Amino acid sequence: MDLAYIPSPPESVWYLFGLVPLRAYAMCIIAGIVAACVITEYRLRRRGAPSGTVIDLAVWAVPFGIIGGRIYHVITSPDAYFGVNGDPVKALYIWEGGLGIPGAIVLGGVGVWIACRRHAVSFSMVADAAAPAIPVAQAIGRLGNWFNQELYGRPTDLPWGVQIDREYQIDVIPPEFVGAAAYHPTFLYELLWNLGIALVVWQLDRRFRFGRGRAFAIYVLLYGVGRFWIEGMRIDPAHAFMGLRVNEWMALAMIVGAVMYLLRVSGKQTVLVADSSGALHEVAWDSPEATRDTRPATDEDESADDDETAEGDEPPQADTASKRDSSDSSKS
């Protein structure tokens, strides 16, 4: 083994008590879902949503997203299931890998929309709250591709190249690339890119208070940019059109769609507040109705807190000085 390269895990499945399979890919997907739920719940609570709202949403979003991701993968990579020597039944074997992010986003979004309708929560508010959470989930999920030794790129001699066992090369990549010492870890590139997206979206949303799904549109835009250049490095079989892989065309569509949305749609970030009857309704984050508990914290809020603290410290000092003066007068 060449220590200059990243080794692939020797195992991707472990058996609990020798009976129950624990698959690394599935565990990475689950860990990503949990992380996304935690982040989204925190951001929704900051916007005034009731505790546990994200659980009500996830009940719909997660199964819809998984089904959508699998359908997209099978449609864009049909040969493994319906081509020569293909096995249609394996289209159901989600644990072996193969979830298309665009399909997961679209059908998962349908699930979120249904949940929002049932729980009287704004779809755009949820989308913006989840904008930095989704790429974090994607980043964690990409670790599953490492365990499965899949979604790698062309051969490379760079020190961060990943070693792929020969059994995961034969009949998977073009013959001219079989046997290389290491390959571009495109799954790792996407992992790091997604973490960067999460950080950028979070910082921009913190600064500009995006509303009406604009934070989510920025996520879609940045993901499309990253997916386009990373997809171009992959060498696994994929259908192409006019010299580009289908996923590259999808990435371009995401970029164009996100840019058009950002140019046409505007609006302030909203929060949920309760009226006199206790019912929740949305208001702009900076409106008089928005309370300090629901309005996202700003630098101005922190400065105001410091000023209030400083002002609160002054009266006791003035009282002490007054008492001292009174005492001196009585002594004289």
Protein backbone atom coordinates (compact mmCIF):
# COMPACT_ATOMS: atom_id res chain seq x y z
CA MET A 1 0.00 0.00 0.00
CA ASP A 2 1.30 3.44 -0.94
CA LEU A 3 1.03 5.59 2.19
CA ALA A 4 0.95 8.72 0.04
CA TYR A 5 -2.62 7.96 -0.99
CA ILE A 6 -5.93 7.74 0.89
CA PRO A 7 -6.83 4.08 1.47
CA SER A 8 -10.39 2.87 1.01
CA PRO A 9 -12.08 1.17 3.97
CA PRO A 10 -11.62 -2.62 3.85
CA GLU A 11 -15.22 -3.20 4.95
CA SER A 12 -18.50 -1.46 4.26
CA VAL A 13 -20.79 -3.89 6.09
CA TRP A 14 -20.57 -5.21 9.65
CA TYR A 15 -22.85 -7.78 11.23
CA LEU A 16 -24.35 -7.26 14.66
CA PHE A 17 -24.36 -10.57 16.52
CA GLY A 18 -23.50 -12.14 13.20
CA LEU A 19 -27.04 -11.60 11.93
CA VAL A 20 -28.04 -7.96 11.53
CA PRO A 21 -26.11 -6.12 8.78
CA LEU A 22 -24.88 -2.63 9.61
CA ARG A 23 -24.10 -0.93 6.31
CA ALA A 24 -21.79 2.07 6.33
CA TYR A 25 -23.66 3.75 3.49
CA ALA A 26 -26.99 3.54 5.32
CA MET A 27 -25.45 4.77 8.58
CA CYS A 28 -23.92 7.77 6.79
CA ILE A 29 -27.29 8.63 5.26
CA ILE A 30 -28.99 8.35 8.65
CA ALA A 31 -26.30 10.47 10.33
CA GLY A 32 -26.74 13.12 7.63
CA ILE A 33 -30.51 13.17 8.12
CA VAL A 34 -30.09 13.56 11.89
CA ALA A 35 -27.61 16.42 11.44
CA ALA A 36 -29.93 18.19 9.00
CA CYS A 37 -32.88 17.82 11.39
CA VAL A 38 -30.91 19.23 14.32
CA ILE A 39 -29.72 22.27 12.34
CA THR A 40 -33.13 22.92 10.80
CA GLU A 41 -34.89 22.57 14.16
CA TYR A 42 -32.54 25.13 15.70
CA ARG A 43 -33.11 27.59 12.85
CA LEU A 44 -36.88 27.09 12.90
CA ARG A 45 -36.99 27.63 16.67
CA ARG A 46 -35.10 30.90 16.14
CA ARG A 47 -37.91 31.87 13.78
CA GLY A 48 -40.60 31.15 16.35
CA ALA A 49 -41.66 27.67 15.24
CA PRO A 50 -42.91 25.31 17.96
CA SER A 51 -40.52 22.74 19.38
CA GLY A 52 -40.45 19.51 17.38
CA THR A 53 -41.65 21.07 14.13
CA VAL A 54 -38.80 19.49 12.20
CA ILE A 55 -39.94 16.00 13.27
CA ASP A 56 -43.37 16.64 11.74
CA LEU A 57 -41.64 17.75 8.54
CA ALA A 58 -39.11 14.91 8.45
CA VAL A 59 -41.82 12.26 8.65
CA TRP A 60 -42.82 13.36 5.14
CA ALA A 61 -39.58 14.74 3.73
CA VAL A 62 -37.24 11.82 4.48
CA PRO A 63 -39.15 8.96 2.77
CA PHE A 64 -40.12 11.21 -0.14
CA GLY A 65 -36.49 12.33 -0.50
CA ILE A 66 -35.08 8.80 -0.44
CA ILE A 67 -37.60 7.57 -3.00
CA GLY A 68 -36.97 10.61 -5.21
CA GLY A 69 -33.22 10.19 -4.97
CA ARG A 70 -33.43 6.54 -5.92
CA ILE A 71 -35.78 7.16 -8.84
CA TYR A 72 -33.45 9.84 -10.21
CA HIS A 73 -30.45 7.52 -9.89
CA VAL A 74 -32.19 4.64 -11.69
CA ILE A 75 -33.44 6.91 -14.47
CA THR A 76 -30.02 8.47 -15.09
CA SER A 77 -28.09 5.17 -14.71
CA PRO A 78 -30.49 2.56 -16.13
CA ASP A 79 -27.95 0.16 -17.62
CA ALA A 80 -27.08 -1.39 -14.25
CA TYR A 81 -30.72 -2.36 -13.79
CA PHE A 82 -32.29 -2.69 -17.22
CA GLY A 83 -29.32 -3.06 -19.57
CA VAL A 84 -27.37 -6.14 -20.62
CA ASN A 85 -26.73 -8.32 -17.55
CA GLY A 86 -28.72 -5.82 -15.51
CA ASP A 87 -30.96 -6.82 -12.62
CA PRO A 88 -34.17 -4.76 -12.24
CA VAL A 89 -34.66 -5.99 -8.68
CA LYS A 90 -31.44 -4.23 -7.63
CA ALA A 91 -33.15 -0.92 -8.31
CA LEU A 92 -34.67 -1.47 -4.86
CA TYR A 93 -31.29 -2.08 -3.16
CA ILE A 94 -30.82 1.45 -1.83
CA TRP A 95 -28.24 0.29 0.72
CA GLU A 96 -25.81 -0.55 -2.08
CA GLY A 97 -25.58 3.14 -2.96
CA GLY A 98 -27.17 5.32 -5.58
CA LEU A 99 -29.25 8.31 -4.52
CA GLY A 100 -29.48 11.20 -6.95
CA ILE A 101 -29.43 14.53 -5.10
CA PRO A 102 -31.65 16.40 -7.61
CA GLY A 103 -34.36 13.77 -7.27
CA ALA A 104 -34.05 13.78 -3.48
CA ILE A 105 -34.43 17.57 -3.39
CA VAL A 106 -37.44 17.66 -5.71
CA LEU A 107 -39.46 14.82 -4.20
CA GLY A 108 -38.25 15.62 -0.69
CA GLY A 109 -39.51 19.14 -1.30
CA VAL A 110 -42.91 17.72 -2.20
CA GLY A 111 -42.92 15.90 1.13
CA VAL A 112 -42.02 19.11 2.98
CA TRP A 113 -44.77 20.98 1.12
CA ILE A 114 -47.34 18.40 2.20
CA ALA A 115 -46.15 18.61 5.80
CA CYS A 116 -46.24 22.42 5.73
CA ARG A 117 -49.84 22.33 4.51
CA ARG A 118 -50.78 19.98 7.33
CA HIS A 119 -49.06 22.01 10.05
CA ALA A 120 -49.70 25.56 8.82
CA VAL A 121 -46.03 26.44 8.41
CA SER A 122 -44.69 28.45 5.48
CA PHE A 123 -42.90 26.31 2.90
CA SER A 124 -40.48 29.12 2.05
CA MET A 125 -39.59 29.63 5.73
CA VAL A 126 -38.79 25.94 6.09
CA ALA A 127 -36.75 25.96 2.87
CA ASP A 128 -34.65 28.88 4.07
CA ALA A 129 -34.20 27.32 7.51
CA ALA A 130 -33.02 24.07 5.91
CA ALA A 131 -30.74 25.75 3.34
CA PRO A 132 -27.46 25.29 5.29
CA ALA A 133 -28.61 21.99 6.80
CA ILE A 134 -29.11 20.10 3.54
CA PRO A 135 -25.50 20.44 2.29
CA VAL A 136 -24.26 19.28 5.71
CA ALA A 137 -26.41 16.15 5.32
CA GLN A 138 -25.06 15.66 1.80
CA ALA A 139 -21.48 15.99 3.03
CA ILE A 140 -21.97 13.32 5.68
CA GLY A 141 -23.75 11.08 3.20
CA ARG A 142 -20.80 11.28 0.80
CA LEU A 143 -18.73 9.33 3.31
CA GLY A 144 -20.90 6.37 2.37
CA ASN A 145 -19.48 6.55 -1.17
CA TRP A 146 -15.99 6.21 0.32
CA PHE A 147 -17.00 3.03 2.14
CA ASN A 148 -18.63 1.68 -1.03
CA GLN A 149 -15.58 2.64 -3.14
CA GLU A 150 -17.69 4.45 -5.71
CA LEU A 151 -18.07 7.83 -7.42
CA TYR A 152 -14.37 8.43 -7.96
CA GLY A 153 -12.69 10.28 -10.81
CA ARG A 154 -9.79 9.88 -13.20
CA PRO A 155 -6.43 8.42 -12.14
CA THR A 156 -4.18 10.85 -10.29
CA ASP A 157 -0.78 10.94 -8.59
CA LEU A 158 -1.83 13.68 -6.16
CA PRO A 159 -1.23 12.79 -2.49
CA TRP A 160 -4.95 12.90 -1.72
CA GLY A 161 -5.81 10.38 -4.42
CA VAL A 162 -7.92 7.48 -3.18
CA GLN A 163 -7.00 3.84 -3.64
CA ILE A 164 -9.76 1.67 -5.11
CA ASP A 165 -9.75 -2.12 -4.89
CA ARG A 166 -9.65 -3.80 -8.29
CA GLU A 167 -13.03 -5.48 -7.77
CA TYR A 168 -14.60 -2.00 -7.67
CA GLN A 169 -12.94 -1.07 -10.98
CA ILE A 170 -13.70 -4.02 -13.25
CA ASP A 171 -16.91 -3.45 -15.23
CA VAL A 172 -17.36 -0.14 -13.41
CA ILE A 173 -14.95 2.22 -15.17
CA PRO A 174 -13.53 2.28 -18.72
CA PRO A 175 -10.83 -0.41 -19.23
CA GLU A 176 -8.12 2.17 -19.91
CA PHE A 177 -8.44 3.48 -16.35
CA VAL A 178 -8.38 0.10 -14.60
CA GLY A 179 -5.34 -0.64 -12.44
CA ALA A 180 -4.28 2.90 -11.56
CA ALA A 181 -2.57 3.45 -8.22
CA ALA A 182 -5.07 6.11 -7.13
CA TYR A 183 -8.04 8.09 -8.40
CA HIS A 184 -9.50 11.54 -7.78
CA PRO A 185 -11.78 11.24 -4.72
CA THR A 186 -14.65 13.17 -6.28
CA PHE A 187 -16.91 12.18 -3.38
CA LEU A 188 -14.44 13.95 -1.07
CA TYR A 189 -14.39 17.03 -3.30
CA GLU A 190 -18.17 17.21 -3.11
CA LEU A 191 -18.09 16.63 0.66
CA LEU A 192 -15.79 19.62 1.17
CA TRP A 193 -17.71 21.74 -1.35
CA ASN A 194 -20.98 21.04 0.47
CA LEU A 195 -19.51 22.05 3.83
CA GLY A 196 -18.36 25.26 2.18
CA ILE A 197 -21.89 25.84 0.83
CA ALA A 198 -23.33 25.42 4.32
CA LEU A 199 -20.92 27.98 5.74
CA VAL A 200 -21.51 30.51 2.94
CA VAL A 201 -25.32 30.20 3.06
CA TRP A 202 -25.32 30.54 6.85
CA GLN A 203 -23.14 33.65 6.79
CA LEU A 204 -25.05 35.31 3.93
CA ASP A 205 -28.40 34.55 5.55
CA ARG A 206 -27.12 35.94 8.84
CA ARG A 207 -26.04 39.13 7.09
CA PHE A 208 -28.93 39.75 4.66
CA ARG A 209 -31.90 38.00 6.34
CA PHE A 210 -33.16 36.26 3.20
CA GLY A 211 -36.84 35.45 2.89
CA ARG A 212 -39.20 33.74 0.45
CA GLY A 213 -36.82 30.88 -0.29
CA ARG A 214 -33.86 33.02 -1.33
CA ALA A 215 -31.44 31.31 1.06
CA PHE A 216 -32.47 27.98 -0.42
CA ALA A 217 -31.98 29.36 -3.94
CA ILE A 218 -28.40 30.31 -3.03
CA TYR A 219 -27.80 26.75 -1.85
CA VAL A 220 -29.17 25.39 -5.15
CA LEU A 221 -26.99 27.81 -7.12
CA LEU A 222 -23.79 26.91 -5.28
CA TYR A 223 -24.52 23.21 -5.36
CA GLY A 224 -25.12 23.35 -9.10
CA VAL A 225 -21.76 25.10 -9.65
CA GLY A 226 -19.90 22.51 -7.60
CA ARG A 227 -21.71 19.53 -9.03
CA PHE A 228 -20.98 20.67 -12.59
CA TRP A 229 -17.19 20.71 -12.25
CA ILE A 230 -17.03 17.65 -9.99
CA GLU A 231 -19.30 15.63 -12.27
CA GLY A 232 -16.95 16.37 -15.15
CA MET A 233 -14.14 14.54 -13.32
CA ARG A 234 -16.05 11.29 -12.81
CA ILE A 235 -15.41 8.27 -15.03
CA ASP A 236 -18.22 5.91 -14.03
CA PRO A 237 -20.63 5.12 -16.87
CA ALA A 238 -23.31 7.75 -17.44
CA HIS A 239 -25.56 8.82 -20.27
CA ALA A 240 -24.39 11.91 -22.12
CA PHE A 241 -25.98 14.47 -24.38
CA MET A 242 -24.05 16.88 -26.60
CA GLY A 243 -20.79 16.03 -24.87
CA LEU A 244 -22.02 16.50 -21.30
CA ARG A 245 -23.20 13.96 -18.77
CA VAL A 246 -26.88 14.13 -17.80
CA ASN A 247 -25.94 15.29 -14.30
CA GLU A 248 -23.90 18.13 -15.78
CA TRP A 249 -26.96 19.31 -17.69
CA MET A 250 -29.00 19.02 -14.52
CA ALA A 251 -26.39 21.11 -12.67
CA LEU A 252 -26.62 23.80 -15.35
CA ALA A 253 -30.41 23.79 -15.04
CA MET A 254 -30.08 24.25 -11.29
CA ILE A 255 -27.74 27.20 -11.79
CA VAL A 256 -30.00 28.92 -14.31
CA GLY A 257 -33.13 28.28 -12.29
CA ALA A 258 -31.57 29.57 -9.06
CA VAL A 259 -30.25 32.74 -10.71
CA MET A 260 -33.63 33.49 -12.28
CA TYR A 261 -35.36 32.96 -8.94
CA LEU A 262 -32.95 35.27 -7.11
CA LEU A 263 -33.43 37.98 -9.73
CA ARG A 264 -37.21 37.79 -9.72
CA VAL A 265 -38.07 37.12 -6.07
CA SER A 266 -37.39 39.34 -3.09
CA GLY A 267 -38.66 39.53 0.45
CA LYS A 268 -37.63 39.83 4.06
CA GLN A 269 -37.03 36.93 6.37
CA THR A 270 -40.13 36.11 8.40
CA VAL A 271 -40.76 34.77 11.88
CA LEU A 272 -43.76 33.24 13.60
CA VAL A 273 -45.56 35.13 16.34
CA ALA A 274 -48.69 34.26 18.30
CA ASP A 275 -51.76 36.46 18.19
CA SER A 276 -54.19 37.03 21.06
CA SER A 277 -55.82 33.65 20.44
CA GLY A 278 -52.48 31.83 20.46
CA ALA A 279 -52.52 31.12 16.73
CA LEU A 280 -49.19 31.57 14.92
CA HIS A 281 -48.78 33.84 11.93
CA GLU A 282 -45.83 35.18 9.96
CA VAL A 283 -44.44 38.70 10.19
CA ALA A 284 -41.28 40.33 8.93
CA TRP A 285 -38.33 39.67 11.22
CA ASP A 286 -37.82 43.39 11.90
CA SER A 287 -41.49 44.27 12.43
CA PRO A 288 -42.76 45.56 15.80
CA GLU A 289 -44.68 42.32 16.27
CA ALA A 290 -41.53 40.22 16.14
CA THR A 291 -40.25 39.57 19.64
CA ARG A 292 -36.60 39.33 20.65
CA ASP A 293 -37.09 35.59 21.20
CA THR A 294 -38.09 34.94 17.59
CA ARG A 295 -36.19 37.66 15.75
CA PRO A 296 -32.77 36.39 14.63
CA ALA A 297 -29.98 37.95 16.67
CA THR A 298 -28.04 40.73 14.96
CA ASP A 299 -24.87 42.63 15.73
CA GLU A 300 -27.08 45.62 16.60
CA ASP A 301 -28.94 43.49 19.16
CA GLU A 302 -25.68 42.47 20.79
CA SER A 303 -24.53 46.09 20.93
CA ALA A 304 -27.87 47.09 22.45
CA ASP A 305 -27.50 44.39 25.09
CA ASP A 306 -24.06 45.75 25.98
CA ASP A 307 -25.44 49.31 26.20
CA GLU A 308 -28.30 48.16 28.41
CA THR A 309 -25.89 46.35 30.68
CA ALA A 310 -23.66 49.40 30.92
CA GLU A 311 -26.63 51.66 31.63
CA GLY A 312 -27.91 49.26 34.23
CA ASP A 313 -24.59 49.43 36.07
CA GLU A 314 -24.60 53.21 36.38
CA PRO A 315 -27.52 53.83 38.80
CA PRO A 316 -26.00 51.79 41.66
CA GLN A 317 -22.79 53.80 41.34
CA ALA A 318 -24.77 57.03 41.41
CA ASP A 319 -26.70 55.82 44.47
CA THR A 320 -23.45 54.97 46.24
CA ALA A 321 -22.02 58.38 45.51
CA SER A 322 -25.23 60.04 46.72
CA LYS A 323 -25.17 58.09 49.96
CA ARG A 324 -21.54 59.06 50.51
CA ASP A 325 -22.34 62.74 50.00
CA SER A 326 -25.29 62.46 52.41
CA SER A 327 -23.11 60.78 55.02
CA ASP A 328 -20.44 63.49 54.72
CA SER A 329 -23.07 66.21 55.11
CA SER A 330 -24.47 64.65 58.28
CA LYS A 331 -20.99 64.40 59.80
CA SER A 332 -20.29 68.04 59.12
